Protein backbone atom coordinates (compact mmCIF):
# COMPACT_ATOMS: atom_id res chain seq x y z
CA MET A 1 -44.63 167.55 75.52
CA ILE A 2 -47.42 169.91 76.48
CA THR A 3 -48.24 172.61 73.98
CA THR A 4 -50.22 175.49 75.44
CA ASN A 5 -50.46 179.22 75.08
CA LEU A 6 -49.74 179.74 78.79
CA GLU A 7 -47.24 182.24 80.06
CA PRO A 8 -44.12 180.88 81.84
CA GLU A 9 -45.34 182.49 85.08
CA ILE A 10 -48.28 180.05 85.19
CA PHE A 11 -45.89 177.09 84.94
CA ASP A 12 -43.78 178.66 87.70
CA ARG A 13 -46.87 178.87 89.94
CA LEU A 14 -47.74 175.23 89.19
CA ARG A 15 -44.23 174.12 90.19
CA SER A 16 -44.23 176.26 93.34
CA TYR A 17 -47.62 174.95 94.45
CA SER A 18 -46.52 171.38 93.80
CA ASN A 19 -43.31 171.83 95.76
CA LEU A 20 -45.19 173.20 98.79
CA ASN A 21 -47.27 170.02 98.91
CA SER A 22 -44.63 167.38 98.42
CA ASN A 23 -46.40 164.49 100.17
CA GLU A 24 -49.66 164.45 98.25
CA GLU A 25 -51.17 164.88 94.84
CA VAL A 26 -52.15 168.45 94.13
CA CYS A 27 -54.71 169.82 91.75
CA GLY A 28 -56.33 172.99 90.54
CA PHE A 29 -57.61 174.88 87.56
CA ILE A 30 -56.03 177.23 85.08
CA VAL A 31 -58.71 179.80 84.39
CA GLU A 32 -59.40 182.93 82.38
CA LYS A 33 -61.45 185.99 83.30
CA ASP A 34 -61.49 189.36 81.55
CA GLY A 35 -58.51 188.35 79.42
CA LEU A 36 -56.34 187.41 82.40
CA VAL A 37 -55.13 183.84 82.94
CA ASP A 38 -54.58 182.57 86.48
CA PHE A 39 -54.01 179.35 88.42
CA ILE A 40 -56.45 178.49 91.21
CA PRO A 41 -55.33 175.65 93.46
CA VAL A 42 -58.04 173.54 95.07
CA ASP A 43 -57.92 171.20 98.05
CA ASN A 44 -57.50 167.55 97.26
CA LYS A 45 -60.53 165.93 98.92
CA HIS A 46 -59.56 162.31 98.30
CA PRO A 47 -59.02 160.20 101.46
CA ASP A 48 -55.79 158.79 99.92
CA LYS A 49 -54.15 162.08 98.92
CA LYS A 50 -50.80 160.39 98.34
CA HIS A 51 -52.10 158.40 95.37
CA PHE A 52 -55.27 160.10 94.14
CA ALA A 53 -56.82 163.52 93.60
CA LEU A 54 -60.44 164.52 93.95
CA ILE A 55 -61.99 167.95 93.51
CA SER A 56 -65.23 168.63 95.32
CA PRO A 57 -68.23 169.51 93.15
CA LYS A 58 -68.65 172.70 95.23
CA ASP A 59 -65.12 173.86 94.37
CA TYR A 60 -65.63 173.04 90.70
CA LEU A 61 -68.98 174.86 90.47
CA ARG A 62 -67.71 177.88 92.40
CA ILE A 63 -64.79 178.28 90.00
CA LYS A 64 -66.84 177.44 86.89
CA ASN A 65 -69.43 180.09 87.77
CA GLU A 66 -66.83 182.83 88.17
CA TYR A 67 -64.20 181.95 85.52
CA THR A 68 -63.75 180.19 82.21
CA ILE A 69 -61.89 176.99 83.04
CA MET A 70 -59.14 176.40 80.50
CA TYR A 71 -57.24 173.48 82.03
CA TYR A 72 -57.42 171.03 84.90
CA PHE A 73 -54.06 170.57 86.63
CA ILE A 74 -52.98 167.51 88.58
CA GLU A 75 -49.58 166.41 89.79
CA ASN A 76 -49.01 162.78 90.59
CA LYS A 77 -45.75 162.54 92.51
CA TYR A 78 -45.82 158.76 92.69
CA ASN A 79 -46.35 157.99 89.03
CA THR A 80 -44.11 158.27 85.98
CA CYS A 81 -45.43 161.66 84.88
CA LYS A 82 -44.50 164.70 86.91
CA PHE A 83 -47.61 166.71 86.19
CA SER A 84 -50.41 166.89 83.71
CA ILE A 85 -52.39 169.74 82.32
CA ILE A 86 -55.65 168.59 80.84
CA ARG A 87 -57.34 170.83 78.30
CA ILE A 88 -60.99 171.52 79.04
CA LEU A 89 -62.90 171.23 75.78
CA LYS A 90 -65.76 173.62 75.20
């Protein structure tokens, strides 16, 4: 079980984004800026998108410079877990 302080709307956005990309792993960041929490999807740059996810350093730095990254999100459709939210430790 994942315990977070995220609003249900964020989880709804994660599910919607995952469902739009049903043939590949998807990833993104859950971020905070000025007290607002948002989900920013990023392109999976891995050559084998069906089994792996890779975020480009440019995407990471662009988001990191504008927001506080709270979580890294990845959905692996071909593994036992449906999706994972990884807490970014400060």
